[in-house]
Structure formats: structure tokens, C-alpha cells
Amino acid sequence: MANRKKTSNEEMRKRIHTLRSSLKIKPSEKPFAEWMAELNREEKALEEVRFARLSALRH
């Protein structure tokens, strides 16, 4: 691993601020709980499709 220059406190604050502002949910968007529930439903549907495909290959 290459030696990295230590990040200054000010630079770290800037990076954190940038990340926080990019992750904020806009007022026009869905509330976080609703967004997370939708994401979980989508992931579960994808897992079910994958499971069905894998079980079809085994038979």
C-alpha cells in the first residue's frame, strides 16, 4: 500500500460536508422510511427471481 499524505482536519471537514449534502433527501422526494421500504421490496423481488432461476437450473 502506498504511503498517503495525512488529510488535514479542514480537508476532512470539507469532504464530510460534501458527502452529507449529497445524501440529504430533498423535500420533493419520498421520506426515508418509505424509500427504504421500497428498496427492500425491490431487493426481495430480485432475490426471488434469482432463487427461482437457480432452482430451475438444478432440476
PDB file of N, CA and C in Angstrom:
ATOM      1  N   MET A   1       0.844  -1.177   0.000  1.00  0.00           N
ATOM      2  CA  MET A   1       0.000   0.000   0.000  1.00  0.00           C
ATOM      3  C   MET A   1       0.884   1.233   0.000  1.00  0.00           C
ATOM      4  N   ALA A   2       0.563   2.158  -0.825  1.00  0.00           N
ATOM      5  CA  ALA A   2       1.363   3.380  -0.944  1.00  0.00           C
ATOM      6  C   ALA A   2       1.146   4.270   0.275  1.00  0.00           C
ATOM      7  N   ASN A   3       2.195   5.006   0.616  1.00  0.00           N
ATOM      8  CA  ASN A   3       2.063   5.953   1.719  1.00  0.00           C
ATOM      9  C   ASN A   3       1.201   7.115   1.273  1.00  0.00           C
ATOM     10  N   ARG A   4       0.222   7.436   2.089  1.00  0.00           N
ATOM     11  CA  ARG A   4      -0.663   8.545   1.752  1.00  0.00           C
ATOM     12  C   ARG A   4      -0.343   9.739   2.630  1.00  0.00           C
ATOM     13  N   LYS A   5      -0.535  10.906   2.058  1.00  0.00           N
ATOM     14  CA  LYS A   5      -0.356  12.126   2.819  1.00  0.00           C
ATOM     15  C   LYS A   5      -1.534  12.235   3.785  1.00  0.00           C
ATOM     16  N   LYS A   6      -1.257  12.572   5.018  1.00  0.00           N
ATOM     17  CA  LYS A   6      -2.313  12.692   6.010  1.00  0.00           C
ATOM     18  C   LYS A   6      -3.232  13.852   5.642  1.00  0.00           C
ATOM     19  N   THR A   7      -4.539  13.583   5.693  1.00  0.00           N
ATOM     20  CA  THR A   7      -5.529  14.600   5.361  1.00  0.00           C
ATOM     21  C   THR A   7      -5.660  15.569   6.526  1.00  0.00           C
ATOM     22  N   SER A   8      -5.663  16.853   6.211  1.00  0.00           N
ATOM     23  CA  SER A   8      -5.804  17.855   7.263  1.00  0.00           C
ATOM     24  C   SER A   8      -7.232  17.851   7.788  1.00  0.00           C
ATOM     25  N   ASN A   9      -7.414  18.380   8.983  1.00  0.00           N
ATOM     26  CA  ASN A   9      -8.748  18.447   9.579  1.00  0.00           C
ATOM     27  C   ASN A   9      -9.699  19.258   8.706  1.00  0.00           C
ATOM     28  N   GLU A  10      -9.214  20.347   8.151  1.00  0.00           N
ATOM     29  CA  GLU A  10     -10.056  21.203   7.312  1.00  0.00           C
ATOM     30  C   GLU A  10     -10.492  20.452   6.051  1.00  0.00           C
ATOM     31  N   GLU A  11      -9.585  19.734   5.443  1.00  0.00           N
ATOM     32  CA  GLU A  11      -9.927  18.957   4.240  1.00  0.00           C
ATOM     33  C   GLU A  11     -10.938  17.858   4.582  1.00  0.00           C
ATOM     34  N   MET A  12     -10.762  17.232   5.725  1.00  0.00           N
ATOM     35  CA  MET A  12     -11.700  16.190   6.149  1.00  0.00           C
ATOM     36  C   MET A  12     -13.087  16.782   6.389  1.00  0.00           C
ATOM     37  N   ARG A  13     -13.159  17.953   6.998  1.00  0.00           N
ATOM     38  CA  ARG A  13     -14.449  18.623   7.217  1.00  0.00           C
ATOM     39  C   ARG A  13     -15.138  18.923   5.890  1.00  0.00           C
ATOM     40  N   LYS A  14     -14.366  19.371   4.902  1.00  0.00           N
ATOM     41  CA  LYS A  14     -14.926  19.666   3.584  1.00  0.00           C
ATOM     42  C   LYS A  14     -15.500  18.406   2.943  1.00  0.00           C
ATOM     43  N   ARG A  15     -14.763  17.309   3.044  1.00  0.00           N
ATOM     44  CA  ARG A  15     -15.237  16.050   2.464  1.00  0.00           C
ATOM     45  C   ARG A  15     -16.514  15.567   3.143  1.00  0.00           C
ATOM     46  N   ILE A  16     -16.552  15.641   4.459  1.00  0.00           N
ATOM     47  CA  ILE A  16     -17.743  15.218   5.206  1.00  0.00           C
ATOM     48  C   ILE A  16     -18.928  16.089   4.833  1.00  0.00           C
ATOM     49  N   HIS A  17     -18.721  17.392   4.760  1.00  0.00           N
ATOM     50  CA  HIS A  17     -19.796  18.312   4.396  1.00  0.00           C
ATOM     51  C   HIS A  17     -20.333  17.992   3.003  1.00  0.00           C
ATOM     52  N   THR A  18     -19.440  17.704   2.073  1.00  0.00           N
ATOM     53  CA  THR A  18     -19.843  17.374   0.713  1.00  0.00           C
ATOM     54  C   THR A  18     -20.675  16.096   0.695  1.00  0.00           C
ATOM     55  N   LEU A  19     -20.236  15.091   1.435  1.00  0.00           N
ATOM     56  CA  LEU A  19     -20.983  13.836   1.478  1.00  0.00           C
ATOM     57  C   LEU A  19     -22.345  14.019   2.130  1.00  0.00           C
ATOM     58  N   ARG A  20     -22.393  14.757   3.217  1.00  0.00           N
ATOM     59  CA  ARG A  20     -23.679  14.981   3.887  1.00  0.00           C
ATOM     60  C   ARG A  20     -24.656  15.692   2.976  1.00  0.00           C
ATOM     61  N   SER A  21     -24.193  16.699   2.269  1.00  0.00           N
ATOM     62  CA  SER A  21     -25.102  17.452   1.404  1.00  0.00           C
ATOM     63  C   SER A  21     -25.550  16.605   0.221  1.00  0.00           C
ATOM     64  N   SER A  22     -24.724  15.680  -0.228  1.00  0.00           N
ATOM     65  CA  SER A  22     -25.131  14.835  -1.347  1.00  0.00           C
ATOM     66  C   SER A  22     -26.114  13.756  -0.913  1.00  0.00           C
ATOM     67  N   LEU A  23     -26.140  13.424   0.381  1.00  0.00           N
ATOM     68  CA  LEU A  23     -27.031  12.377   0.879  1.00  0.00           C
ATOM     69  C   LEU A  23     -28.357  12.914   1.417  1.00  0.00           C
ATOM     70  N   LYS A  24     -28.489  14.214   1.534  1.00  0.00           N
ATOM     71  CA  LYS A  24     -29.721  14.782   2.066  1.00  0.00           C
ATOM     72  C   LYS A  24     -30.888  14.504   1.127  1.00  0.00           C
ATOM     73  N   ILE A  25     -32.030  14.204   1.719  1.00  0.00           N
ATOM     74  CA  ILE A  25     -33.228  13.953   0.933  1.00  0.00           C
ATOM     75  C   ILE A  25     -33.914  15.284   0.683  1.00  0.00           C
ATOM     76  N   LYS A  26     -34.217  15.531  -0.574  1.00  0.00           N
ATOM     77  CA  LYS A  26     -34.871  16.788  -0.953  1.00  0.00           C
ATOM     78  C   LYS A  26     -36.333  16.762  -0.486  1.00  0.00           C
ATOM     79  N   PRO A  27     -36.940  17.921  -0.236  1.00  0.00           N
ATOM     80  CA  PRO A  27     -38.325  17.959   0.207  1.00  0.00           C
ATOM     81  C   PRO A  27     -39.301  17.304  -0.776  1.00  0.00           C
ATOM     82  N   SER A  28     -38.974  17.301  -2.045  1.00  0.00           N
ATOM     83  CA  SER A  28     -39.870  16.714  -3.044  1.00  0.00           C
ATOM     84  C   SER A  28     -39.757  15.189  -3.111  1.00  0.00           C
ATOM     85  N   GLU A  29     -38.754  14.624  -2.468  1.00  0.00           N
ATOM     86  CA  GLU A  29     -38.545  13.181  -2.510  1.00  0.00           C
ATOM     87  C   GLU A  29     -39.329  12.471  -1.415  1.00  0.00           C
ATOM     88  N   LYS A  30     -39.361  11.145  -1.496  1.00  0.00           N
ATOM     89  CA  LYS A  30     -40.076  10.328  -0.513  1.00  0.00           C
ATOM     90  C   LYS A  30     -39.372  10.397   0.840  1.00  0.00           C
ATOM     91  N   PRO A  31     -40.135  10.222   1.927  1.00  0.00           N
ATOM     92  CA  PRO A  31     -39.488  10.125   3.242  1.00  0.00           C
ATOM     93  C   PRO A  31     -38.553   8.907   3.274  1.00  0.00           C
ATOM     94  N   PHE A  32     -37.561   8.958   4.132  1.00  0.00           N
ATOM     95  CA  PHE A  32     -36.548   7.908   4.173  1.00  0.00           C
ATOM     96  C   PHE A  32     -37.156   6.535   4.425  1.00  0.00           C
ATOM     97  N   ALA A  33     -38.088   6.429   5.382  1.00  0.00           N
ATOM     98  CA  ALA A  33     -38.677   5.131   5.714  1.00  0.00           C
ATOM     99  C   ALA A  33     -39.395   4.535   4.501  1.00  0.00           C
ATOM    100  N   GLU A  34     -40.104   5.358   3.758  1.00  0.00           N
ATOM    101  CA  GLU A  34     -40.812   4.884   2.569  1.00  0.00           C
ATOM    102  C   GLU A  34     -39.819   4.471   1.481  1.00  0.00           C
ATOM    103  N   TRP A  35     -38.779   5.252   1.313  1.00  0.00           N
ATOM    104  CA  TRP A  35     -37.750   4.951   0.329  1.00  0.00           C
ATOM    105  C   TRP A  35     -37.059   3.628   0.664  1.00  0.00           C
ATOM    106  N   MET A  36     -36.748   3.433   1.955  1.00  0.00           N
ATOM    107  CA  MET A  36     -36.070   2.217   2.387  1.00  0.00           C
ATOM    108  C   MET A  36     -36.970   1.000   2.212  1.00  0.00           C
ATOM    109  N   ALA A  37     -38.254   1.133   2.534  1.00  0.00           N
ATOM    110  CA  ALA A  37     -39.195   0.026   2.368  1.00  0.00           C
ATOM    111  C   ALA A  37     -39.292  -0.379   0.894  1.00  0.00           C
ATOM    112  N   GLU A  38     -39.331   0.598   0.013  1.00  0.00           N
ATOM    113  CA  GLU A  38     -39.394   0.316  -1.425  1.00  0.00           C
ATOM    114  C   GLU A  38     -38.120  -0.387  -1.888  1.00  0.00           C
ATOM    115  N   LEU A  39     -36.991   0.064  -1.408  1.00  0.00           N
ATOM    116  CA  LEU A  39     -35.711  -0.561  -1.760  1.00  0.00           C
ATOM    117  C   LEU A  39     -35.685  -2.008  -1.294  1.00  0.00           C
ATOM    118  N   ASN A  40     -36.160  -2.269  -0.074  1.00  0.00           N
ATOM    119  CA  ASN A  40     -36.192  -3.636   0.443  1.00  0.00           C
ATOM    120  C   ASN A  40     -37.112  -4.519  -0.384  1.00  0.00           C
ATOM    121  N   ARG A  41     -38.268  -3.998  -0.815  1.00  0.00           N
ATOM    122  CA  ARG A  41     -39.184  -4.773  -1.665  1.00  0.00           C
ATOM    123  C   ARG A  41     -38.513  -5.117  -2.991  1.00  0.00           C
ATOM    124  N   GLU A  42     -37.816  -4.157  -3.584  1.00  0.00           N
ATOM    125  CA  GLU A  42     -37.130  -4.403  -4.846  1.00  0.00           C
ATOM    126  C   GLU A  42     -36.039  -5.461  -4.696  1.00  0.00           C
ATOM    127  N   GLU A  43     -35.276  -5.382  -3.621  1.00  0.00           N
ATOM    128  CA  GLU A  43     -34.211  -6.357  -3.387  1.00  0.00           C
ATOM    129  C   GLU A  43     -34.788  -7.751  -3.175  1.00  0.00           C
ATOM    130  N   LYS A  44     -35.889  -7.838  -2.428  1.00  0.00           N
ATOM    131  CA  LYS A  44     -36.507  -9.135  -2.185  1.00  0.00           C
ATOM    132  C   LYS A  44     -37.009  -9.735  -3.494  1.00  0.00           C
ATOM    133  N   ALA A  45     -37.615  -8.916  -4.355  1.00  0.00           N
ATOM    134  CA  ALA A  45     -38.096  -9.402  -5.651  1.00  0.00           C
ATOM    135  C   ALA A  45     -36.935  -9.921  -6.497  1.00  0.00           C
ATOM    136  N   LEU A  46     -35.821  -9.209  -6.492  1.00  0.00           N
ATOM    137  CA  LEU A  46     -34.646  -9.653  -7.247  1.00  0.00           C
ATOM    138  C   LEU A  46     -34.094 -10.971  -6.705  1.00  0.00           C
ATOM    139  N   GLU A  47     -34.084 -11.113  -5.380  1.00  0.00           N
ATOM    140  CA  GLU A  47     -33.603 -12.349  -4.770  1.00  0.00           C
ATOM    141  C   GLU A  47     -34.510 -13.519  -5.130  1.00  0.00           C
ATOM    142  N   GLU A  48     -35.826 -13.291  -5.155  1.00  0.00           N
ATOM    143  CA  GLU A  48     -36.759 -14.354  -5.512  1.00  0.00           C
ATOM    144  C   GLU A  48     -36.568 -14.797  -6.954  1.00  0.00           C
ATOM    145  N   VAL A  49     -36.352 -13.847  -7.857  1.00  0.00           N
ATOM    146  CA  VAL A  49     -36.098 -14.189  -9.259  1.00  0.00           C
ATOM    147  C   VAL A  49     -34.806 -14.992  -9.373  1.00  0.00           C
ATOM    148  N   ARG A  50     -33.794 -14.567  -8.671  1.00  0.00           N
ATOM    149  CA  ARG A  50     -32.506 -15.267  -8.707  1.00  0.00           C
ATOM    150  C   ARG A  50     -32.652 -16.683  -8.154  1.00  0.00           C
ATOM    151  N   PHE A  51     -33.368 -16.825  -7.027  1.00  0.00           N
ATOM    152  CA  PHE A  51     -33.575 -18.136  -6.427  1.00  0.00           C
ATOM    153  C   PHE A  51     -34.331 -19.055  -7.381  1.00  0.00           C
ATOM    154  N   ALA A  52     -35.375 -18.515  -8.025  1.00  0.00           N
ATOM    155  CA  ALA A  52     -36.160 -19.308  -8.974  1.00  0.00           C
ATOM    156  C   ALA A  52     -35.293 -19.765 -10.141  1.00  0.00           C
ATOM    157  N   ARG A  53     -34.439 -18.874 -10.628  1.00  0.00           N
ATOM    158  CA  ARG A  53     -33.562 -19.225 -11.743  1.00  0.00           C
ATOM    159  C   ARG A  53     -32.564 -20.304 -11.337  1.00  0.00           C
ATOM    160  N   LEU A  54     -32.000 -20.176 -10.138  1.00  0.00           N
ATOM    161  CA  LEU A  54     -31.024 -21.166  -9.678  1.00  0.00           C
ATOM    162  C   LEU A  54     -31.679 -22.516  -9.406  1.00  0.00           C
ATOM    163  N   SER A  55     -32.878 -22.497  -8.845  1.00  0.00           N
ATOM    164  CA  SER A  55     -33.552 -23.777  -8.561  1.00  0.00           C
ATOM    165  C   SER A  55     -33.996 -24.447  -9.859  1.00  0.00           C
ATOM    166  N   ALA A  56     -34.308 -23.662 -10.903  1.00  0.00           N
ATOM    167  CA  ALA A  56     -34.675 -24.230 -12.191  1.00  0.00           C
ATOM    168  C   ALA A  56     -33.462 -24.897 -12.841  1.00  0.00           C
ATOM    169  N   LEU A  57     -32.285 -24.354 -12.613  1.00  0.00           N
ATOM    170  CA  LEU A  57     -31.078 -24.944 -13.174  1.00  0.00           C
ATOM    171  C   LEU A  57     -30.744 -26.279 -12.522  1.00  0.00           C
ATOM    172  N   ARG A  58     -31.089 -26.443 -11.268  1.00  0.00           N
ATOM    173  CA  ARG A  58     -30.755 -27.664 -10.528  1.00  0.00           C
ATOM    174  C   ARG A  58     -31.662 -28.826 -10.921  1.00  0.00           C
ATOM    175  N   HIS A  59     -32.839 -28.540 -11.429  1.00  0.00           N
ATOM    176  CA  HIS A  59     -33.796 -29.616 -11.747  1.00  0.00           C
ATOM    177  C   HIS A  59     -33.742 -29.999 -13.156  1.00  0.00           C
TER     178      HIS A  59
END
